C-alpha atoms as a PDB file:
ATOM      1  CA  MET A   1      -0.850  18.982 -29.757  1.00  0.00           C
ATOM      2  CA  ARG A   2       2.127  18.778 -27.394  1.00  0.00           C
ATOM      3  CA  ALA A   3       4.602  21.658 -27.807  1.00  0.00           C
ATOM      4  CA  THR A   4       8.119  20.651 -28.858  1.00  0.00           C
ATOM      5  CA  SER A   5      11.535  22.132 -28.226  1.00  0.00           C
ATOM      6  CA  LYS A   6      11.452  23.315 -31.853  1.00  0.00           C
ATOM      7  CA  ASP A   7       8.294  25.326 -31.099  1.00  0.00           C
ATOM      8  CA  VAL A   8      10.037  26.917 -28.109  1.00  0.00           C
ATOM      9  CA  ALA A   9      13.116  27.702 -30.211  1.00  0.00           C
ATOM     10  CA  VAL A  10      11.004  29.414 -32.899  1.00  0.00           C
ATOM     11  CA  ALA A  11       9.011  31.401 -30.315  1.00  0.00           C
ATOM     12  CA  ALA A  12      12.170  32.524 -28.498  1.00  0.00           C
ATOM     13  CA  GLY A  13      14.178  33.149 -31.661  1.00  0.00           C
ATOM     14  CA  VAL A  14      17.012  30.812 -30.638  1.00  0.00           C
ATOM     15  CA  SER A  15      18.382  27.430 -31.675  1.00  0.00           C
ATOM     16  CA  ARG A  16      17.055  24.136 -30.328  1.00  0.00           C
ATOM     17  CA  ALA A  17      20.455  23.576 -28.740  1.00  0.00           C
ATOM     18  CA  THR A  18      20.029  26.780 -26.743  1.00  0.00           C
ATOM     19  CA  VAL A  19      16.561  25.637 -25.618  1.00  0.00           C
ATOM     20  CA  SER A  20      18.079  22.352 -24.458  1.00  0.00           C
ATOM     21  CA  TYR A  21      20.916  24.100 -22.615  1.00  0.00           C
ATOM     22  CA  VAL A  22      18.500  26.440 -20.791  1.00  0.00           C
ATOM     23  CA  LEU A  23      15.767  23.973 -19.875  1.00  0.00           C
ATOM     24  CA  ASN A  24      18.207  21.289 -18.742  1.00  0.00           C
ATOM     25  CA  SER A  25      20.572  23.708 -16.961  1.00  0.00           C
ATOM     26  CA  THR A  26      23.452  22.177 -18.913  1.00  0.00           C
ATOM     27  CA  PRO A  27      26.756  22.900 -17.166  1.00  0.00           C
ATOM     28  CA  GLY A  28      29.591  24.636 -19.023  1.00  0.00           C
ATOM     29  CA  GLN A  29      27.265  26.712 -21.220  1.00  0.00           C
ATOM     30  CA  THR A  30      27.198  30.513 -20.955  1.00  0.00           C
ATOM     31  CA  ILE A  31      23.756  31.772 -21.938  1.00  0.00           C
ATOM     32  CA  PRO A  32      22.979  35.509 -21.640  1.00  0.00           C
ATOM     33  CA  GLU A  33      20.342  36.166 -19.002  1.00  0.00           C
ATOM     34  CA  ALA A  34      18.036  37.889 -21.485  1.00  0.00           C
ATOM     35  CA  THR A  35      18.200  34.857 -23.792  1.00  0.00           C
ATOM     36  CA  ARG A  36      17.578  32.472 -20.912  1.00  0.00           C
ATOM     37  CA  GLN A  37      14.498  34.449 -19.872  1.00  0.00           C
ATOM     38  CA  ARG A  38      13.157  34.454 -23.468  1.00  0.00           C
ATOM     39  CA  VAL A  39      13.446  30.661 -23.586  1.00  0.00           C
ATOM     40  CA  LEU A  40      11.800  30.205 -20.187  1.00  0.00           C
ATOM     41  CA  ASP A  41       8.977  32.607 -21.065  1.00  0.00           C
ATOM     42  CA  ALA A  42       8.360  30.841 -24.392  1.00  0.00           C
ATOM     43  CA  ALA A  43       8.328  27.416 -22.751  1.00  0.00           C
ATOM     44  CA  ARG A  44       5.906  28.610 -20.097  1.00  0.00           C
ATOM     45  CA  ARG A  45       3.642  30.286 -22.647  1.00  0.00           C
ATOM     46  CA  LEU A  46       3.533  27.156 -24.833  1.00  0.00           C
ATOM     47  CA  GLY A  47       3.155  24.774 -21.894  1.00  0.00           C
ATOM     48  CA  TYR A  48       6.302  22.913 -22.938  1.00  0.00           C
ATOM     49  CA  THR A  49       7.830  20.267 -20.675  1.00  0.00           C
ATOM     50  CA  PRO A  50      10.915  18.222 -21.644  1.00  0.00           C
ATOM     51  CA  HIS A  51      10.185  14.601 -22.579  1.00  0.00           C
ATOM     52  CA  ALA A  52      11.074  12.460 -19.575  1.00  0.00           C
ATOM     53  CA  SER A  53      12.723   9.633 -21.521  1.00  0.00           C
ATOM     54  CA  ALA A  54      14.851  11.990 -23.597  1.00  0.00           C
ATOM     55  CA  ARG A  55      15.913  13.903 -20.511  1.00  0.00           C
ATOM     56  CA  ALA A  56      16.824  10.658 -18.795  1.00  0.00           C
ATOM     57  CA  LEU A  57      18.999   9.614 -21.746  1.00  0.00           C
ATOM     58  CA  ARG A  58      20.833  12.944 -21.690  1.00  0.00           C
ATOM     59  CA  SER A  59      21.414  13.060 -17.940  1.00  0.00           C
ATOM     60  CA  GLY A  60      21.947   9.356 -17.368  1.00  0.00           C
ATOM     61  CA  ALA A  61      19.344   9.358 -14.589  1.00  0.00           C
ATOM     62  CA  SER A  62      15.576   9.793 -14.679  1.00  0.00           C
ATOM     63  CA  SER A  63      13.462  11.644 -12.146  1.00  0.00           C
ATOM     64  CA  LEU A  64      10.959   8.791 -11.758  1.00  0.00           C
ATOM     65  CA  ALA A  65      10.541   6.358  -8.900  1.00  0.00           C
ATOM     66  CA  LEU A  66       8.411   3.301  -9.676  1.00  0.00           C
ATOM     67  CA  LEU A  67       6.294   1.847  -6.862  1.00  0.00           C
ATOM     68  CA  ILE A  68       5.298  -1.776  -7.540  1.00  0.00           C
ATOM     69  CA  THR A  69       2.212  -3.171  -5.820  1.00  0.00           C
ATOM     70  CA  GLN A  70       0.039  -6.223  -6.290  1.00  0.00           C
ATOM     71  CA  GLU A  71      -3.098  -5.850  -8.407  1.00  0.00           C
ATOM     72  CA  LEU A  72      -5.646  -5.204  -5.648  1.00  0.00           C
ATOM     73  CA  PRO A  73      -8.067  -2.615  -4.307  1.00  0.00           C
ATOM     74  CA  PHE A  74      -6.152   0.000  -2.320  1.00  0.00           C
ATOM     75  CA  GLY A  75      -6.948  -0.180   1.395  1.00  0.00           C
ATOM     76  CA  ILE A  76      -6.138   2.488   3.929  1.00  0.00           C
ATOM     77  CA  ASN A  77      -2.673   1.073   4.715  1.00  0.00           C
ATOM     78  CA  ILE A  78      -1.389   1.108   1.146  1.00  0.00           C
ATOM     79  CA  ALA A  79      -3.102   4.445   0.501  1.00  0.00           C
ATOM     80  CA  ARG A  80      -1.301   5.983   3.474  1.00  0.00           C
ATOM     81  CA  LEU A  81       2.019   4.521   2.376  1.00  0.00           C
ATOM     82  CA  VAL A  82       1.609   5.729  -1.221  1.00  0.00           C
ATOM     83  CA  ASP A  83       0.676   9.213   0.017  1.00  0.00           C
ATOM     84  CA  VAL A  84       3.736   9.503   2.272  1.00  0.00           C
ATOM     85  CA  LEU A  85       6.109   8.100  -0.364  1.00  0.00           C
ATOM     86  CA  THR A  86       4.663  10.369  -3.080  1.00  0.00           C
ATOM     87  CA  ARG A  87       5.140  13.503  -0.999  1.00  0.00           C
ATOM     88  CA  GLY A  88       8.562  12.406   0.227  1.00  0.00           C
ATOM     89  CA  ALA A  89       9.766  11.555  -3.281  1.00  0.00           C
ATOM     90  CA  ALA A  90       8.573  14.956  -4.538  1.00  0.00           C
ATOM     91  CA  GLU A  91      10.669  16.665  -1.871  1.00  0.00           C
ATOM     92  CA  LEU A  92      13.662  14.747  -3.240  1.00  0.00           C
ATOM     93  CA  GLY A  93      12.932  15.848  -6.807  1.00  0.00           C
ATOM     94  CA  LEU A  94      11.329  12.587  -7.949  1.00  0.00           C
ATOM     95  CA  SER A  95       7.894  11.764  -9.299  1.00  0.00           C
ATOM     96  CA  LEU A  96       6.418   8.543  -7.892  1.00  0.00           C
ATOM     97  CA  VAL A  97       4.545   6.352 -10.377  1.00  0.00           C
ATOM     98  CA  THR A  98       2.505   3.400  -9.094  1.00  0.00           C
ATOM     99  CA  TRP A  99       2.341   0.184 -11.131  1.00  0.00           C
ATOM    100  CA  GLN A 100       0.038  -2.677 -10.124  1.00  0.00           C
ATOM    101  CA  ARG A 101       1.411  -6.050 -11.188  1.00  0.00           C
ATOM    102  CA  SER A 102      -1.182  -8.351 -12.741  1.00  0.00           C
ATOM    103  CA  ASP A 103       1.488 -10.687 -14.114  1.00  0.00           C
ATOM    104  CA  GLU A 104       5.269 -10.720 -14.346  1.00  0.00           C
ATOM    105  CA  THR A 105       5.455 -10.069 -18.088  1.00  0.00           C
ATOM    106  CA  GLY A 106       4.474  -6.398 -17.901  1.00  0.00           C
ATOM    107  CA  LEU A 107       7.502  -5.145 -15.982  1.00  0.00           C
ATOM    108  CA  ALA A 108       9.833  -5.172 -19.013  1.00  0.00           C
ATOM    109  CA  SER A 109       7.596  -2.876 -21.083  1.00  0.00           C
ATOM    110  CA  THR A 110       6.920  -0.671 -18.053  1.00  0.00           C
ATOM    111  CA  LEU A 111      10.655  -0.198 -17.504  1.00  0.00           C
ATOM    112  CA  ALA A 112      11.148   0.580 -21.183  1.00  0.00           C
ATOM    113  CA  HIS A 113       8.424   3.229 -21.126  1.00  0.00           C
ATOM    114  CA  LEU A 114       9.265   4.872 -17.817  1.00  0.00           C
ATOM    115  CA  GLN A 115      12.996   4.272 -17.262  1.00  0.00           C
ATOM    116  CA  PRO A 116      12.748   4.710 -13.460  1.00  0.00           C
ATOM    117  CA  ARG A 117      15.744   5.667 -11.399  1.00  0.00           C
ATOM    118  CA  VAL A 118      14.641   3.503  -8.498  1.00  0.00           C
ATOM    119  CA  VAL A 119      11.991   0.855  -7.837  1.00  0.00           C
ATOM    120  CA  ILE A 120      10.169   0.648  -4.520  1.00  0.00           C
ATOM    121  CA  THR A 121       8.399  -2.677  -4.238  1.00  0.00           C
ATOM    122  CA  MET A 122       5.541  -3.662  -1.957  1.00  0.00           C
ATOM    123  CA  LEU A 123       5.825  -7.324  -2.885  1.00  0.00           C
ATOM    124  CA  LYS A 124       8.419 -10.016  -3.359  1.00  0.00           C
ATOM    125  CA  LEU A 125       9.946  -9.836  -6.814  1.00  0.00           C
ATOM    126  CA  SER A 126      10.375 -12.966  -8.882  1.00  0.00           C
ATOM    127  CA  VAL A 127      13.863 -14.074  -9.909  1.00  0.00           C
ATOM    128  CA  GLY A 128      13.117 -12.923 -13.457  1.00  0.00           C
ATOM    129  CA  GLU A 129      11.935  -9.486 -12.319  1.00  0.00           C
ATOM    130  CA  GLN A 130      14.981  -9.007 -10.109  1.00  0.00           C
ATOM    131  CA  GLU A 131      17.315 -10.006 -12.943  1.00  0.00           C
ATOM    132  CA  LEU A 132      15.511  -7.592 -15.267  1.00  0.00           C
ATOM    133  CA  LEU A 133      16.014  -4.717 -12.815  1.00  0.00           C
ATOM    134  CA  ASP A 134      19.641  -5.675 -12.265  1.00  0.00           C
ATOM    135  CA  ARG A 135      20.309  -5.622 -16.022  1.00  0.00           C
ATOM    136  CA  ALA A 136      18.630  -2.213 -16.266  1.00  0.00           C
ATOM    137  CA  GLY A 137      20.791  -0.918 -13.414  1.00  0.00           C
ATOM    138  CA  VAL A 138      17.739   0.044 -11.346  1.00  0.00           C
ATOM    139  CA  VAL A 139      18.110   0.059  -7.565  1.00  0.00           C
ATOM    140  CA  VAL A 140      15.331  -1.710  -5.625  1.00  0.00           C
ATOM    141  CA  LEU A 141      14.138  -0.525  -2.223  1.00  0.00           C
ATOM    142  CA  ASP A 142      11.760  -2.601  -0.091  1.00  0.00           C
ATOM    143  CA  PRO A 143       9.709  -0.610   2.466  1.00  0.00           C
ATOM    144  CA  THR A 144       8.356  -3.798   4.070  1.00  0.00           C
ATOM    145  CA  GLY A 145      11.649  -4.589   5.760  1.00  0.00           C
ATOM    146  CA  GLY A 146      11.919  -7.771   3.723  1.00  0.00           C
ATOM    147  CA  GLU A 147       9.139  -9.533   5.639  1.00  0.00           C
ATOM    148  CA  PRO A 148       6.861 -11.556   3.315  1.00  0.00           C
ATOM    149  CA  HIS A 149       3.269 -10.334   3.277  1.00  0.00           C
ATOM    150  CA  ASP A 150       1.999 -13.749   4.407  1.00  0.00           C
ATOM    151  CA  ALA A 151       4.052 -13.571   7.608  1.00  0.00           C
ATOM    152  CA  ARG A 152       2.892 -10.003   8.182  1.00  0.00           C
ATOM    153  CA  ASP A 153      -0.774 -10.859   7.706  1.00  0.00           C
ATOM    154  CA  ALA A 154      -0.483 -13.981   9.838  1.00  0.00           C
ATOM    155  CA  ARG A 155       0.691 -11.717  12.671  1.00  0.00           C
ATOM    156  CA  ILE A 156      -2.456  -9.638  12.198  1.00  0.00           C
ATOM    157  CA  GLY A 157      -4.793 -12.644  12.504  1.00  0.00           C
ATOM    158  CA  GLU A 158      -2.858 -13.961  15.479  1.00  0.00           C
ATOM    159  CA  ALA A 159      -3.128 -10.584  17.239  1.00  0.00           C
ATOM    160  CA  GLN A 160      -6.911 -10.589  16.739  1.00  0.00           C
ATOM    161  CA  ALA A 161      -7.362 -14.093  18.138  1.00  0.00           C
ATOM    162  CA  ARG A 162      -5.037 -13.637  21.093  1.00  0.00           C
ATOM    163  CA  TYR A 163      -6.760 -10.442  22.143  1.00  0.00           C
ATOM    164  CA  LEU A 164     -10.189 -12.074  22.090  1.00  0.00           C
ATOM    165  CA  ALA A 165      -8.912 -15.189  23.889  1.00  0.00           C
ATOM    166  CA  GLU A 166      -7.287 -13.083  26.601  1.00  0.00           C
ATOM    167  CA  ALA A 167     -10.658 -11.378  27.079  1.00  0.00           C
ATOM    168  CA  GLY A 168     -12.182 -14.789  27.847  1.00  0.00           C
ATOM    169  CA  HIS A 169     -13.625 -15.841  24.491  1.00  0.00           C
ATOM    170  CA  ARG A 170     -13.155 -19.575  23.925  1.00  0.00           C
ATOM    171  CA  ARG A 171     -14.925 -19.981  20.591  1.00  0.00           C
ATOM    172  CA  LEU A 172     -14.124 -17.638  17.735  1.00  0.00           C
ATOM    173  CA  GLY A 173     -15.502 -16.988  14.285  1.00  0.00           C
ATOM    174  CA  VAL A 174     -13.693 -15.502  11.285  1.00  0.00           C
ATOM    175  CA  VAL A 175     -15.563 -13.369   8.744  1.00  0.00           C
ATOM    176  CA  THR A 176     -13.322 -13.055   5.711  1.00  0.00           C
ATOM    177  CA  THR A 177     -13.320 -12.524   1.949  1.00  0.00           C
ATOM    178  CA  ASP A 178     -13.129 -14.830  -1.049  1.00  0.00           C
ATOM    179  CA  ASN A 179     -12.214 -11.981  -3.425  1.00  0.00           C
ATOM    180  CA  PRO A 180      -9.401 -13.511  -5.547  1.00  0.00           C
ATOM    181  CA  LEU A 181      -7.444 -10.245  -5.412  1.00  0.00           C
ATOM    182  CA  LEU A 182      -7.470 -10.284  -1.604  1.00  0.00           C
ATOM    183  CA  THR A 183      -6.890 -13.946  -0.807  1.00  0.00           C
ATOM    184  CA  ILE A 184      -3.129 -13.325  -0.583  1.00  0.00           C
ATOM    185  CA  PHE A 185      -3.939 -11.366   2.577  1.00  0.00           C
ATOM    186  CA  ALA A 186      -7.073 -13.160   3.741  1.00  0.00           C
ATOM    187  CA  GLY A 187      -5.474 -16.635   3.725  1.00  0.00           C
ATOM    188  CA  PRO A 188      -2.547 -15.737   5.999  1.00  0.00           C
ATOM    189  CA  ARG A 189      -4.817 -13.782   8.362  1.00  0.00           C
ATOM    190  CA  LEU A 190      -7.090 -16.808   8.724  1.00  0.00           C
ATOM    191  CA  GLU A 191      -4.065 -19.039   9.306  1.00  0.00           C
ATOM    192  CA  GLY A 192      -2.868 -16.611  11.978  1.00  0.00           C
ATOM    193  CA  VAL A 193      -6.185 -16.961  13.819  1.00  0.00           C
ATOM    194  CA  ARG A 194      -6.031 -20.746  13.518  1.00  0.00           C
ATOM    195  CA  ARG A 195      -2.442 -20.852  14.753  1.00  0.00           C
ATOM    196  CA  ALA A 196      -3.287 -18.741  17.784  1.00  0.00           C
ATOM    197  CA  CYS A 197      -6.250 -20.975  18.600  1.00  0.00           C
ATOM    198  CA  ARG A 198      -4.013 -24.059  18.428  1.00  0.00           C
ATOM    199  CA  ASP A 199      -1.356 -22.442  20.594  1.00  0.00           C
ATOM    200  CA  LEU A 200      -3.945 -21.362  23.161  1.00  0.00           C
ATOM    201  CA  GLY A 201      -5.700 -24.729  23.230  1.00  0.00           C
ATOM    202  CA  ILE A 202      -9.085 -23.451  22.063  1.00  0.00           C
ATOM    203  CA  ALA A 203     -11.335 -24.846  19.333  1.00  0.00           C
ATOM    204  CA  GLU A 204     -10.744 -24.360  15.614  1.00  0.00           C
ATOM    205  CA  PRO A 205     -12.511 -21.125  14.582  1.00  0.00           C
ATOM    206  CA  GLU A 206     -15.684 -21.102  12.515  1.00  0.00           C
ATOM    207  CA  VAL A 207     -15.180 -19.457   9.110  1.00  0.00           C
ATOM    208  CA  LEU A 208     -17.502 -17.465   6.860  1.00  0.00           C
ATOM    209  CA  GLU A 209     -16.199 -16.387   3.445  1.00  0.00           C
ATOM    210  CA  LEU A 210     -17.999 -13.526   1.744  1.00  0.00           C
ATOM    211  CA  GLY A 211     -17.788 -11.684  -1.545  1.00  0.00           C
ATOM    212  CA  ASP A 212     -17.328  -7.937  -1.699  1.00  0.00           C
ATOM    213  CA  PRO A 213     -19.553  -6.159   0.830  1.00  0.00           C
ATOM    214  CA  ASP A 214     -23.048  -5.349  -0.452  1.00  0.00           C
ATOM    215  CA  ASP A 215     -26.570  -4.863   0.900  1.00  0.00           C
ATOM    216  CA  ALA A 216     -26.874  -8.575   1.747  1.00  0.00           C
ATOM    217  CA  THR A 217     -23.573  -8.894   3.644  1.00  0.00           C
ATOM    218  CA  ALA A 218     -24.883  -8.172   7.132  1.00  0.00           C
ATOM    219  CA  GLY A 219     -27.719 -10.657   6.579  1.00  0.00           C
ATOM    220  CA  ARG A 220     -25.259 -13.395   5.591  1.00  0.00           C
ATOM    221  CA  VAL A 221     -23.200 -12.712   8.699  1.00  0.00           C
ATOM    222  CA  ALA A 222     -26.370 -12.817  10.805  1.00  0.00           C
ATOM    223  CA  ASP A 223     -27.356 -16.206   9.343  1.00  0.00           C
ATOM    224  CA  ALA A 224     -23.914 -17.644  10.147  1.00  0.00           C
ATOM    225  CA  LEU A 225     -23.950 -16.127  13.621  1.00  0.00           C
ATOM    226  CA  HIS A 226     -27.378 -17.578  14.333  1.00  0.00           C
ATOM    227  CA  ALA A 227     -26.065 -21.060  13.487  1.00  0.00           C
ATOM    228  CA  TRP A 228     -22.814 -20.621  15.390  1.00  0.00           C
ATOM    229  CA  ARG A 229     -24.609 -19.331  18.476  1.00  0.00           C
ATOM    230  CA  ALA A 230     -26.954 -22.330  18.538  1.00  0.00           C
ATOM    231  CA  ARG A 231     -24.114 -24.780  19.193  1.00  0.00           C
ATOM    232  CA  ALA A 232     -23.132 -26.256  22.536  1.00  0.00           C
ATOM    233  CA  GLU A 233     -20.165 -23.903  22.683  1.00  0.00           C
ATOM    234  CA  PRO A 234     -21.397 -20.732  20.953  1.00  0.00           C
ATOM    235  CA  VAL A 235     -19.167 -18.286  19.131  1.00  0.00           C
ATOM    236  CA  THR A 236     -18.693 -15.167  21.247  1.00  0.00           C
ATOM    237  CA  GLY A 237     -15.867 -13.392  19.385  1.00  0.00           C
ATOM    238  CA  LEU A 238     -15.473 -12.472  15.698  1.00  0.00           C
ATOM    239  CA  CYS A 239     -12.264 -11.712  13.805  1.00  0.00           C
ATOM    240  CA  ALA A 240     -13.163  -9.675  10.709  1.00  0.00           C
ATOM    241  CA  TYR A 241     -10.947  -9.508   7.609  1.00  0.00           C
ATOM    242  CA  ASN A 242     -10.981  -5.707   7.807  1.00  0.00           C
ATOM    243  CA  ASP A 243     -12.970  -2.865   9.336  1.00  0.00           C
ATOM    244  CA  VAL A 244     -15.651  -2.921   6.625  1.00  0.00           C
ATOM    245  CA  TYR A 245     -16.409  -6.567   7.389  1.00  0.00           C
ATOM    246  CA  GLY A 246     -16.186  -5.659  11.075  1.00  0.00           C
ATOM    247  CA  ALA A 247     -18.922  -3.062  10.595  1.00  0.00           C
ATOM    248  CA  ALA A 248     -21.038  -5.723   8.873  1.00  0.00           C
ATOM    249  CA  CYS A 249     -20.527  -7.963  11.919  1.00  0.00           C
ATOM    250  CA  LEU A 250     -21.761  -5.176  14.197  1.00  0.00           C
ATOM    251  CA  ALA A 251     -24.846  -4.703  12.018  1.00  0.00           C
ATOM    252  CA  ALA A 252     -25.506  -8.462  12.122  1.00  0.00           C
ATOM    253  CA  ALA A 253     -25.203  -8.515  15.911  1.00  0.00           C
ATOM    254  CA  GLN A 254     -27.683  -5.671  16.165  1.00  0.00           C
ATOM    255  CA  SER A 255     -30.165  -7.490  13.927  1.00  0.00           C
ATOM    256  CA  LEU A 256     -29.960 -10.536  16.232  1.00  0.00           C
ATOM    257  CA  GLY A 257     -30.347  -8.465  19.381  1.00  0.00           C
ATOM    258  CA  LEU A 258     -26.826  -9.278  20.600  1.00  0.00           C
ATOM    259  CA  GLU A 259     -25.199  -6.758  22.897  1.00  0.00           C
ATOM    260  CA  VAL A 260     -21.664  -5.802  21.835  1.00  0.00           C
ATOM    261  CA  PRO A 261     -19.230  -6.526  23.385  1.00  0.00           C
ATOM    262  CA  ARG A 262     -20.941  -8.355  26.268  1.00  0.00           C
ATOM    263  CA  GLY A 263     -22.845 -10.790  24.052  1.00  0.00           C
ATOM    264  CA  LEU A 264     -20.504 -10.724  21.063  1.00  0.00           C
ATOM    265  CA  ALA A 265     -17.051  -9.154  20.624  1.00  0.00           C
ATOM    266  CA  VAL A 266     -15.877  -7.950  17.201  1.00  0.00           C
ATOM    267  CA  ILE A 267     -12.394  -6.924  16.080  1.00  0.00           C
ATOM    268  CA  GLY A 268     -11.421  -5.584  12.655  1.00  0.00           C
ATOM    269  CA  VAL A 269      -8.219  -4.701  10.799  1.00  0.00           C
ATOM    270  CA  ASP A 270      -6.775  -1.477   9.306  1.00  0.00           C
ATOM    271  CA  ASP A 271      -8.100   1.261  11.620  1.00  0.00           C
ATOM    272  CA  GLU A 272     -10.151   2.884   8.885  1.00  0.00           C
ATOM    273  CA  PRO A 273     -11.527   6.334   9.825  1.00  0.00           C
ATOM    274  CA  MET A 274     -15.064   4.880   9.864  1.00  0.00           C
ATOM    275  CA  ALA A 275     -14.080   2.495  12.685  1.00  0.00           C
ATOM    276  CA  ARG A 276     -14.394   5.372  15.158  1.00  0.00           C
ATOM    277  CA  PHE A 277     -18.011   5.999  14.217  1.00  0.00           C
ATOM    278  CA  THR A 278     -19.595   2.540  14.266  1.00  0.00           C
ATOM    279  CA  ALA A 279     -21.886   1.632  17.159  1.00  0.00           C
ATOM    280  CA  PRO A 280     -20.017   0.779  19.272  1.00  0.00           C
ATOM    281  CA  PRO A 281     -16.670   2.062  17.933  1.00  0.00           C
ATOM    282  CA  LEU A 282     -14.735  -0.810  16.405  1.00  0.00           C
ATOM    283  CA  THR A 283     -11.716  -2.365  18.079  1.00  0.00           C
ATOM    284  CA  THR A 284      -9.186  -3.022  15.344  1.00  0.00           C
ATOM    285  CA  VAL A 285      -5.618  -3.959  14.442  1.00  0.00           C
ATOM    286  CA  ARG A 286      -3.394  -1.374  12.800  1.00  0.00           C
ATOM    287  CA  LEU A 287      -0.233  -2.125  10.863  1.00  0.00           C
ATOM    288  CA  GLN A 288       2.219   0.646  11.707  1.00  0.00           C
ATOM    289  CA  LEU A 289       3.744   1.782   8.426  1.00  0.00           C
ATOM    290  CA  ASP A 290       4.992   5.252   9.413  1.00  0.00           C
ATOM    291  CA  GLU A 291       8.422   4.026  10.452  1.00  0.00           C
ATOM    292  CA  LEU A 292       8.713   1.940   7.292  1.00  0.00           C
ATOM    293  CA  SER A 293       7.796   4.958   5.140  1.00  0.00           C
ATOM    294  CA  ASP A 294      10.292   7.211   6.902  1.00  0.00           C
ATOM    295  CA  ALA A 295      13.044   4.581   6.660  1.00  0.00           C
ATOM    296  CA  THR A 296      12.351   4.068   2.936  1.00  0.00           C
ATOM    297  CA  LEU A 297      12.564   7.799   2.255  1.00  0.00           C
ATOM    298  CA  GLU A 298      15.811   8.009   4.238  1.00  0.00           C
ATOM    299  CA  ARG A 299      17.243   5.180   2.129  1.00  0.00           C
ATOM    300  CA  LEU A 300      16.049   6.952  -1.020  1.00  0.00           C
ATOM    301  CA  ARG A 301      17.670  10.191   0.157  1.00  0.00           C
ATOM    302  CA  SER A 302      20.971   8.381   0.730  1.00  0.00           C
ATOM    303  CA  LEU A 303      20.776   6.739  -2.680  1.00  0.00           C
ATOM    304  CA  LEU A 304      20.247  10.048  -4.489  1.00  0.00           C
ATOM    305  CA  SER A 305      23.082  11.748  -2.614  1.00  0.00           C
ATOM    306  CA  GLY A 306      25.512   8.934  -3.343  1.00  0.00           C
ATOM    307  CA  GLU A 307      25.840   7.919   0.299  1.00  0.00           C
ATOM    308  CA  SER A 308      25.822   4.393   1.673  1.00  0.00           C
ATOM    309  CA  VAL A 309      22.208   3.158   1.685  1.00  0.00           C
ATOM    310  CA  PRO A 310      21.074   2.038   5.176  1.00  0.00           C
ATOM    311  CA  ALA A 311      19.678  -1.460   5.694  1.00  0.00           C
ATOM    312  CA  ALA A 312      15.934  -2.004   5.389  1.00  0.00           C
ATOM    313  CA  ALA A 313      13.813  -1.223   8.431  1.00  0.00           C
ATOM    314  CA  ALA A 314      12.384  -3.886  10.696  1.00  0.00           C
ATOM    315  CA  PRO A 315       8.887  -5.160   9.809  1.00  0.00           C
ATOM    316  CA  GLY A 316       6.048  -2.825  10.736  1.00  0.00           C
ATOM    317  CA  ALA A 317       4.593  -3.394  14.167  1.00  0.00           C
ATOM    318  CA  VAL A 318       1.066  -4.699  14.649  1.00  0.00           C
ATOM    319  CA  THR A 319      -0.802  -2.465  17.092  1.00  0.00           C
ATOM    320  CA  LEU A 320      -4.146  -3.127  18.736  1.00  0.00           C
ATOM    321  CA  VAL A 321      -6.509  -0.141  18.831  1.00  0.00           C
ATOM    322  CA  ARG A 322      -8.928  -0.746  21.710  1.00  0.00           C
ATOM    323  CA  ARG A 323     -12.429   0.661  21.334  1.00  0.00           C
ATOM    324  CA  GLY A 324     -15.885  -0.436  22.404  1.00  0.00           C
ATOM    325  CA  SER A 325     -16.568  -3.539  20.292  1.00  0.00           C
ATOM    326  CA  ALA A 326     -14.167  -5.948  22.018  1.00  0.00           C
END
């Protein structure tokens, strides 16, 4: 059973008010040092921690930051961002809580339960969500620089296609996902490839949609590649949804006896650690989020200190990581 302030008061032989004054460092209260130490020792011995909601009501400000993301599997980019923001928030005295939005109705109950001091959002808030946060007096910070995810992901697909086209590939294929949780990223990336092909005057790309990677994935890619390669203008470059699908493309090429990158070029997305160890190492596109993370923490620091909050950072740059596959 969770220890209460009453338990601490009994163990320390003081009133509950004294426990509150000591544990919350209440200003204007003179507590003898010996009494303060008895309270702290009792709290430590009982494993007591003040209830976050009650503490927030007393102080007028909670120590929670709420990070809102879409309901989706965490890839390396979001994982890196969450890690940096979690550590940075801790240094500022805040605990970062991540909430994945499955629908817009859950935010009200989440705010009621957590009472965050600030919300950091990875996605565009609806009008209703923004109004809800405004009424609650919660400040919203956007680490994405305000750029919609579809524009950001379209830049990724366009970077893939342009790189392959500049290397001389005139017919491209796209190996992507039909996972409903990922189509918000996959769709714009595919459109980015298509847009680049139109701008460069090359043929519309071939497209293969796959479910989550499994033992049959490389075989499905190989079947599509076999058909695409049999055409008058064969596909010689593949844009993969991410590095995992890129690795499947490399396995498919190997099964067909295609030399990479001379016979088939492959480019992924995300710069996962495993991309360095495929055969050959996978060329990929990385979304630079370090500057966005640092800028978000600087804005958070300004907010907590009562200073003027700087404007949001520019959108994260898309960087090509050149390796052996393209």
